[in-house]
Amino acid sequence: MSRPPAPHSRTRVADDAEAYAWAEVLVRHGHLHAAMPTPTGQWLVQDHPDAPVRVLPGPSALVEVAADIQRHIRRTRTRRS
């Protein structure tokens, strides 16, 4: 018997194209300072210029960072209302 997915879980694995798109949006809107893929499939992410660089294991991890940022933005907006 299978369980339904958790409310914030993805039903599929993110691919490189989706990760590239999210990286571009997050950097362009200032939510991340930098996000770039490595030849090994990992992603390097930096929150702001002075922050340490984080190594993410793959495109799904980058998409999860985007989801975390979206949830944070939504919580912040809800509190202001």
PDB file of N, CA and C in Angstrom:
ATOM      1  N   MET A   1       0.841  -1.177   0.000  1.00  0.00           N
ATOM      2  CA  MET A   1       0.000   0.000   0.000  1.00  0.00           C
ATOM      3  C   MET A   1       0.887   1.242   0.000  1.00  0.00           C
ATOM      4  N   SER A   2       0.659   2.145  -0.927  1.00  0.00           N
ATOM      5  CA  SER A   2       1.499   3.346  -0.999  1.00  0.00           C
ATOM      6  C   SER A   2       0.833   4.499  -0.266  1.00  0.00           C
ATOM      7  N   ARG A   3       1.691   5.359   0.251  1.00  0.00           N
ATOM      8  CA  ARG A   3       1.206   6.545   0.959  1.00  0.00           C
ATOM      9  C   ARG A   3       1.153   7.713  -0.006  1.00  0.00           C
ATOM     10  N   PRO A   4       0.250   8.662   0.212  1.00  0.00           N
ATOM     11  CA  PRO A   4       0.237   9.855  -0.628  1.00  0.00           C
ATOM     12  C   PRO A   4       1.481  10.693  -0.350  1.00  0.00           C
ATOM     13  N   PRO A   5       1.931  11.477  -1.318  1.00  0.00           N
ATOM     14  CA  PRO A   5       3.130  12.294  -1.085  1.00  0.00           C
ATOM     15  C   PRO A   5       2.886  13.338  -0.003  1.00  0.00           C
ATOM     16  N   ALA A   6       3.963  13.710   0.665  1.00  0.00           N
ATOM     17  CA  ALA A   6       3.880  14.777   1.665  1.00  0.00           C
ATOM     18  C   ALA A   6       3.475  16.071   0.968  1.00  0.00           C
ATOM     19  N   PRO A   7       2.896  17.024   1.704  1.00  0.00           N
ATOM     20  CA  PRO A   7       2.403  18.253   1.072  1.00  0.00           C
ATOM     21  C   PRO A   7       3.455  19.013   0.266  1.00  0.00           C
ATOM     22  N   HIS A   8       4.704  18.942   0.677  1.00  0.00           N
ATOM     23  CA  HIS A   8       5.739  19.708  -0.018  1.00  0.00           C
ATOM     24  C   HIS A   8       6.667  18.836  -0.848  1.00  0.00           C
ATOM     25  N   SER A   9       6.335  17.561  -1.039  1.00  0.00           N
ATOM     26  CA  SER A   9       7.226  16.698  -1.802  1.00  0.00           C
ATOM     27  C   SER A   9       6.892  16.755  -3.290  1.00  0.00           C
ATOM     28  N   ARG A  10       7.901  16.529  -4.102  1.00  0.00           N
ATOM     29  CA  ARG A  10       7.728  16.532  -5.554  1.00  0.00           C
ATOM     30  C   ARG A  10       7.293  15.148  -6.011  1.00  0.00           C
ATOM     31  N   THR A  11       6.531  15.106  -7.072  1.00  0.00           N
ATOM     32  CA  THR A  11       6.090  13.827  -7.607  1.00  0.00           C
ATOM     33  C   THR A  11       7.021  13.330  -8.701  1.00  0.00           C
ATOM     34  N   ARG A  12       7.995  14.141  -9.117  1.00  0.00           N
ATOM     35  CA  ARG A  12       8.957  13.722 -10.132  1.00  0.00           C
ATOM     36  C   ARG A  12      10.302  14.364  -9.840  1.00  0.00           C
ATOM     37  N   VAL A  13      11.335  13.840 -10.467  1.00  0.00           N
ATOM     38  CA  VAL A  13      12.692  14.357 -10.290  1.00  0.00           C
ATOM     39  C   VAL A  13      12.893  15.541 -11.232  1.00  0.00           C
ATOM     40  N   ALA A  14      13.515  16.595 -10.725  1.00  0.00           N
ATOM     41  CA  ALA A  14      13.791  17.765 -11.556  1.00  0.00           C
ATOM     42  C   ALA A  14      14.903  17.445 -12.548  1.00  0.00           C
ATOM     43  N   ASP A  15      14.799  18.022 -13.737  1.00  0.00           N
ATOM     44  CA  ASP A  15      15.860  17.830 -14.727  1.00  0.00           C
ATOM     45  C   ASP A  15      16.726  19.091 -14.803  1.00  0.00           C
ATOM     46  N   ASP A  16      17.778  19.011 -15.616  1.00  0.00           N
ATOM     47  CA  ASP A  16      18.706  20.137 -15.728  1.00  0.00           C
ATOM     48  C   ASP A  16      18.017  21.407 -16.225  1.00  0.00           C
ATOM     49  N   ALA A  17      17.107  21.283 -17.183  1.00  0.00           N
ATOM     50  CA  ALA A  17      16.445  22.468 -17.742  1.00  0.00           C
ATOM     51  C   ALA A  17      15.645  23.200 -16.668  1.00  0.00           C
ATOM     52  N   GLU A  18      14.946  22.450 -15.830  1.00  0.00           N
ATOM     53  CA  GLU A  18      14.169  23.080 -14.763  1.00  0.00           C
ATOM     54  C   GLU A  18      15.092  23.760 -13.757  1.00  0.00           C
ATOM     55  N   ALA A  19      16.184  23.115 -13.419  1.00  0.00           N
ATOM     56  CA  ALA A  19      17.139  23.699 -12.474  1.00  0.00           C
ATOM     57  C   ALA A  19      17.764  24.974 -13.043  1.00  0.00           C
ATOM     58  N   TYR A  20      18.137  24.958 -14.323  1.00  0.00           N
ATOM     59  CA  TYR A  20      18.689  26.161 -14.959  1.00  0.00           C
ATOM     60  C   TYR A  20      17.683  27.307 -14.899  1.00  0.00           C
ATOM     61  N   ALA A  21      16.428  27.008 -15.204  1.00  0.00           N
ATOM     62  CA  ALA A  21      15.396  28.054 -15.203  1.00  0.00           C
ATOM     63  C   ALA A  21      15.229  28.647 -13.808  1.00  0.00           C
ATOM     64  N   TRP A  22      15.137  27.793 -12.794  1.00  0.00           N
ATOM     65  CA  TRP A  22      15.006  28.297 -11.430  1.00  0.00           C
ATOM     66  C   TRP A  22      16.239  29.076 -10.983  1.00  0.00           C
ATOM     67  N   ALA A  23      17.415  28.592 -11.348  1.00  0.00           N
ATOM     68  CA  ALA A  23      18.645  29.305 -10.973  1.00  0.00           C
ATOM     69  C   ALA A  23      18.628  30.716 -11.552  1.00  0.00           C
ATOM     70  N   GLU A  24      18.256  30.835 -12.800  1.00  0.00           N
ATOM     71  CA  GLU A  24      18.211  32.153 -13.445  1.00  0.00           C
ATOM     72  C   GLU A  24      17.227  33.084 -12.736  1.00  0.00           C
ATOM     73  N   VAL A  25      16.047  32.581 -12.430  1.00  0.00           N
ATOM     74  CA  VAL A  25      15.026  33.399 -11.769  1.00  0.00           C
ATOM     75  C   VAL A  25      15.476  33.809 -10.370  1.00  0.00           C
ATOM     76  N   LEU A  26      16.018  32.873  -9.602  1.00  0.00           N
ATOM     77  CA  LEU A  26      16.429  33.178  -8.232  1.00  0.00           C
ATOM     78  C   LEU A  26      17.549  34.210  -8.189  1.00  0.00           C
ATOM     79  N   VAL A  27      18.487  34.112  -9.109  1.00  0.00           N
ATOM     80  CA  VAL A  27      19.590  35.084  -9.150  1.00  0.00           C
ATOM     81  C   VAL A  27      19.078  36.431  -9.659  1.00  0.00           C
ATOM     82  N   ARG A  28      18.281  36.412 -10.720  1.00  0.00           N
ATOM     83  CA  ARG A  28      17.771  37.670 -11.299  1.00  0.00           C
ATOM     84  C   ARG A  28      16.959  38.474 -10.287  1.00  0.00           C
ATOM     85  N   HIS A  29      16.194  37.785  -9.441  1.00  0.00           N
ATOM     86  CA  HIS A  29      15.343  38.473  -8.467  1.00  0.00           C
ATOM     87  C   HIS A  29      16.029  38.690  -7.119  1.00  0.00           C
ATOM     88  N   GLY A  30      17.306  38.347  -7.035  1.00  0.00           N
ATOM     89  CA  GLY A  30      18.078  38.628  -5.832  1.00  0.00           C
ATOM     90  C   GLY A  30      17.869  37.667  -4.671  1.00  0.00           C
ATOM     91  N   HIS A  31      17.250  36.529  -4.923  1.00  0.00           N
ATOM     92  CA  HIS A  31      17.061  35.548  -3.853  1.00  0.00           C
ATOM     93  C   HIS A  31      18.329  34.727  -3.621  1.00  0.00           C
ATOM     94  N   LEU A  32      19.164  34.638  -4.641  1.00  0.00           N
ATOM     95  CA  LEU A  32      20.488  34.022  -4.528  1.00  0.00           C
ATOM     96  C   LEU A  32      21.491  34.949  -5.187  1.00  0.00           C
ATOM     97  N   HIS A  33      22.708  34.942  -4.686  1.00  0.00           N
ATOM     98  CA  HIS A  33      23.771  35.726  -5.325  1.00  0.00           C
ATOM     99  C   HIS A  33      24.278  35.008  -6.572  1.00  0.00           C
ATOM    100  N   ALA A  34      24.422  33.687  -6.468  1.00  0.00           N
ATOM    101  CA  ALA A  34      24.935  32.902  -7.598  1.00  0.00           C
ATOM    102  C   ALA A  34      24.435  31.465  -7.505  1.00  0.00           C
ATOM    103  N   ALA A  35      24.261  30.866  -8.668  1.00  0.00           N
ATOM    104  CA  ALA A  35      23.909  29.447  -8.763  1.00  0.00           C
ATOM    105  C   ALA A  35      24.455  28.951 -10.089  1.00  0.00           C
ATOM    106  N   MET A  36      25.314  27.937 -10.021  1.00  0.00           N
ATOM    107  CA  MET A  36      25.895  27.425 -11.263  1.00  0.00           C
ATOM    108  C   MET A  36      26.122  25.924 -11.184  1.00  0.00           C
ATOM    109  N   PRO A  37      25.911  25.254 -12.312  1.00  0.00           N
ATOM    110  CA  PRO A  37      26.128  23.805 -12.338  1.00  0.00           C
ATOM    111  C   PRO A  37      27.606  23.485 -12.483  1.00  0.00           C
ATOM    112  N   THR A  38      27.967  22.294 -12.057  1.00  0.00           N
ATOM    113  CA  THR A  38      29.333  21.807 -12.253  1.00  0.00           C
ATOM    114  C   THR A  38      29.286  20.675 -13.290  1.00  0.00           C
ATOM    115  N   PRO A  39      30.418  20.329 -13.849  1.00  0.00           N
ATOM    116  CA  PRO A  39      30.435  19.226 -14.821  1.00  0.00           C
ATOM    117  C   PRO A  39      29.988  17.878 -14.239  1.00  0.00           C
ATOM    118  N   THR A  40      30.043  17.741 -12.925  1.00  0.00           N
ATOM    119  CA  THR A  40      29.655  16.477 -12.289  1.00  0.00           C
ATOM    120  C   THR A  40      28.156  16.389 -12.023  1.00  0.00           C
ATOM    121  N   GLY A  41      27.399  17.439 -12.330  1.00  0.00           N
ATOM    122  CA  GLY A  41      25.962  17.443 -12.093  1.00  0.00           C
ATOM    123  C   GLY A  41      25.561  18.106 -10.792  1.00  0.00           C
ATOM    124  N   GLN A  42      26.548  18.465  -9.974  1.00  0.00           N
ATOM    125  CA  GLN A  42      26.254  19.192  -8.742  1.00  0.00           C
ATOM    126  C   GLN A  42      25.982  20.665  -9.078  1.00  0.00           C
ATOM    127  N   TRP A  43      25.434  21.386  -8.110  1.00  0.00           N
ATOM    128  CA  TRP A  43      25.201  22.816  -8.266  1.00  0.00           C
ATOM    129  C   TRP A  43      25.914  23.559  -7.144  1.00  0.00           C
ATOM    130  N   LEU A  44      26.551  24.678  -7.486  1.00  0.00           N
ATOM    131  CA  LEU A  44      27.171  25.560  -6.500  1.00  0.00           C
ATOM    132  C   LEU A  44      26.222  26.734  -6.294  1.00  0.00           C
ATOM    133  N   VAL A  45      25.892  27.018  -5.041  1.00  0.00           N
ATOM    134  CA  VAL A  45      24.907  28.055  -4.718  1.00  0.00           C
ATOM    135  C   VAL A  45      25.487  28.959  -3.647  1.00  0.00           C
ATOM    136  N   GLN A  46      25.302  30.254  -3.833  1.00  0.00           N
ATOM    137  CA  GLN A  46      25.758  31.230  -2.838  1.00  0.00           C
ATOM    138  C   GLN A  46      24.601  32.180  -2.555  1.00  0.00           C
ATOM    139  N   ASP A  47      24.226  32.298  -1.283  1.00  0.00           N
ATOM    140  CA  ASP A  47      23.082  33.125  -0.905  1.00  0.00           C
ATOM    141  C   ASP A  47      23.351  34.625  -1.084  1.00  0.00           C
ATOM    142  N   HIS A  48      24.510  35.077  -0.687  1.00  0.00           N
ATOM    143  CA  HIS A  48      24.919  36.484  -0.857  1.00  0.00           C
ATOM    144  C   HIS A  48      26.429  36.504  -1.034  1.00  0.00           C
ATOM    145  N   PRO A  49      27.003  37.637  -1.460  1.00  0.00           N
ATOM    146  CA  PRO A  49      28.432  37.665  -1.816  1.00  0.00           C
ATOM    147  C   PRO A  49      29.386  37.175  -0.727  1.00  0.00           C
ATOM    148  N   ASP A  50      29.057  37.398   0.533  1.00  0.00           N
ATOM    149  CA  ASP A  50      29.956  37.005   1.618  1.00  0.00           C
ATOM    150  C   ASP A  50      29.640  35.629   2.197  1.00  0.00           C
ATOM    151  N   ALA A  51      28.616  34.978   1.688  1.00  0.00           N
ATOM    152  CA  ALA A  51      28.207  33.667   2.218  1.00  0.00           C
ATOM    153  C   ALA A  51      29.101  32.566   1.668  1.00  0.00           C
ATOM    154  N   PRO A  52      29.229  31.485   2.412  1.00  0.00           N
ATOM    155  CA  PRO A  52      29.977  30.336   1.873  1.00  0.00           C
ATOM    156  C   PRO A  52      29.206  29.721   0.702  1.00  0.00           C
ATOM    157  N   VAL A  53      29.939  29.079  -0.171  1.00  0.00           N
ATOM    158  CA  VAL A  53      29.328  28.402  -1.315  1.00  0.00           C
ATOM    159  C   VAL A  53      28.843  27.036  -0.844  1.00  0.00           C
ATOM    160  N   ARG A  54      27.589  26.737  -1.162  1.00  0.00           N
ATOM    161  CA  ARG A  54      27.021  25.425  -0.833  1.00  0.00           C
ATOM    162  C   ARG A  54      27.092  24.546  -2.074  1.00  0.00           C
ATOM    163  N   VAL A  55      27.369  23.273  -1.869  1.00  0.00           N
ATOM    164  CA  VAL A  55      27.400  22.304  -2.965  1.00  0.00           C
ATOM    165  C   VAL A  55      26.144  21.454  -2.852  1.00  0.00           C
ATOM    166  N   LEU A  56      25.294  21.536  -3.875  1.00  0.00           N
ATOM    167  CA  LEU A  56      24.066  20.757  -3.907  1.00  0.00           C
ATOM    168  C   LEU A  56      24.295  19.519  -4.773  1.00  0.00           C
ATOM    169  N   PRO A  57      23.701  18.387  -4.410  1.00  0.00           N
ATOM    170  CA  PRO A  57      23.996  17.150  -5.123  1.00  0.00           C
ATOM    171  C   PRO A  57      23.451  17.053  -6.546  1.00  0.00           C
ATOM    172  N   GLY A  58      22.491  17.885  -6.916  1.00  0.00           N
ATOM    173  CA  GLY A  58      21.950  17.786  -8.267  1.00  0.00           C
ATOM    174  C   GLY A  58      20.826  18.770  -8.504  1.00  0.00           C
ATOM    175  N   PRO A  59      20.199  18.700  -9.674  1.00  0.00           N
ATOM    176  CA  PRO A  59      19.155  19.654 -10.033  1.00  0.00           C
ATOM    177  C   PRO A  59      17.948  19.604  -9.100  1.00  0.00           C
ATOM    178  N   SER A  60      17.578  18.448  -8.603  1.00  0.00           N
ATOM    179  CA  SER A  60      16.432  18.359  -7.683  1.00  0.00           C
ATOM    180  C   SER A  60      16.686  19.148  -6.404  1.00  0.00           C
ATOM    181  N   ALA A  61      17.912  19.153  -5.936  1.00  0.00           N
ATOM    182  CA  ALA A  61      18.248  19.914  -4.727  1.00  0.00           C
ATOM    183  C   ALA A  61      18.120  21.410  -4.983  1.00  0.00           C
ATOM    184  N   LEU A  62      18.493  21.859  -6.177  1.00  0.00           N
ATOM    185  CA  LEU A  62      18.343  23.283  -6.498  1.00  0.00           C
ATOM    186  C   LEU A  62      16.868  23.660  -6.562  1.00  0.00           C
ATOM    187  N   VAL A  63      16.058  22.815  -7.153  1.00  0.00           N
ATOM    188  CA  VAL A  63      14.616  23.087  -7.226  1.00  0.00           C
ATOM    189  C   VAL A  63      14.018  23.094  -5.821  1.00  0.00           C
ATOM    190  N   GLU A  64      14.521  22.266  -4.933  1.00  0.00           N
ATOM    191  CA  GLU A  64      14.048  22.278  -3.548  1.00  0.00           C
ATOM    192  C   GLU A  64      14.431  23.585  -2.855  1.00  0.00           C
ATOM    193  N   VAL A  65      15.604  24.126  -3.153  1.00  0.00           N
ATOM    194  CA  VAL A  65      15.989  25.443  -2.619  1.00  0.00           C
ATOM    195  C   VAL A  65      14.988  26.493  -3.100  1.00  0.00           C
ATOM    196  N   ALA A  66      14.613  26.438  -4.367  1.00  0.00           N
ATOM    197  CA  ALA A  66      13.622  27.376  -4.912  1.00  0.00           C
ATOM    198  C   ALA A  66      12.295  27.239  -4.172  1.00  0.00           C
ATOM    199  N   ALA A  67      11.881  26.013  -3.895  1.00  0.00           N
ATOM    200  CA  ALA A  67      10.625  25.792  -3.169  1.00  0.00           C
ATOM    201  C   ALA A  67      10.710  26.350  -1.753  1.00  0.00           C
ATOM    202  N   ASP A  68      11.853  26.163  -1.098  1.00  0.00           N
ATOM    203  CA  ASP A  68      12.036  26.714   0.250  1.00  0.00           C
ATOM    204  C   ASP A  68      11.942  28.231   0.230  1.00  0.00           C
ATOM    205  N   ILE A  69      12.545  28.857  -0.765  1.00  0.00           N
ATOM    206  CA  ILE A  69      12.501  30.316  -0.887  1.00  0.00           C
ATOM    207  C   ILE A  69      11.060  30.759  -1.114  1.00  0.00           C
ATOM    208  N   GLN A  70      10.323  30.067  -1.968  1.00  0.00           N
ATOM    209  CA  GLN A  70       8.920  30.414  -2.210  1.00  0.00           C
ATOM    210  C   GLN A  70       8.101  30.302  -0.928  1.00  0.00           C
ATOM    211  N   ARG A  71       8.295  29.227  -0.167  1.00  0.00           N
ATOM    212  CA  ARG A  71       7.548  29.077   1.084  1.00  0.00           C
ATOM    213  C   ARG A  71       7.888  30.203   2.052  1.00  0.00           C
ATOM    214  N   HIS A  72       9.157  30.591   2.124  1.00  0.00           N
ATOM    215  CA  HIS A  72       9.558  31.692   3.002  1.00  0.00           C
ATOM    216  C   HIS A  72       8.891  32.999   2.572  1.00  0.00           C
ATOM    217  N   ILE A  73       8.873  33.269   1.281  1.00  0.00           N
ATOM    218  CA  ILE A  73       8.232  34.490   0.769  1.00  0.00           C
ATOM    219  C   ILE A  73       6.749  34.490   1.110  1.00  0.00           C
ATOM    220  N   ARG A  74       6.088  33.374   0.926  1.00  0.00           N
ATOM    221  CA  ARG A  74       4.647  33.291   1.216  1.00  0.00           C
ATOM    222  C   ARG A  74       4.363  33.494   2.700  1.00  0.00           C
ATOM    223  N   ARG A  75       5.190  32.891   3.564  1.00  0.00           N
ATOM    224  CA  ARG A  75       4.998  33.085   5.008  1.00  0.00           C
ATOM    225  C   ARG A  75       5.200  34.540   5.391  1.00  0.00           C
ATOM    226  N   THR A  76       6.213  35.176   4.811  1.00  0.00           N
ATOM    227  CA  THR A  76       6.506  36.576   5.119  1.00  0.00           C
ATOM    228  C   THR A  76       5.357  37.464   4.657  1.00  0.00           C
ATOM    229  N   ARG A  77       4.823  37.237   3.478  1.00  0.00           N
ATOM    230  CA  ARG A  77       3.696  38.032   2.977  1.00  0.00           C
ATOM    231  C   ARG A  77       2.451  37.838   3.826  1.00  0.00           C
ATOM    232  N   THR A  78       2.217  36.625   4.267  1.00  0.00           N
ATOM    233  CA  THR A  78       1.037  36.334   5.087  1.00  0.00           C
ATOM    234  C   THR A  78       1.107  37.083   6.410  1.00  0.00           C
ATOM    235  N   ARG A  79       2.274  37.143   6.996  1.00  0.00           N
ATOM    236  CA  ARG A  79       2.438  37.857   8.276  1.00  0.00           C
ATOM    237  C   ARG A  79       2.223  39.352   8.127  1.00  0.00           C
ATOM    238  N   ARG A  80       2.560  39.909   6.980  1.00  0.00           N
ATOM    239  CA  ARG A  80       2.411  41.350   6.768  1.00  0.00           C
ATOM    240  C   ARG A  80       0.956  41.751   6.540  1.00  0.00           C
ATOM    241  N   SER A  81       0.155  40.829   6.063  1.00  0.00           N
ATOM    242  CA  SER A  81      -1.244  41.134   5.728  1.00  0.00           C
ATOM    243  C   SER A  81      -2.093  41.346   6.942  1.00  0.00           C
TER     244      SER A  81
END
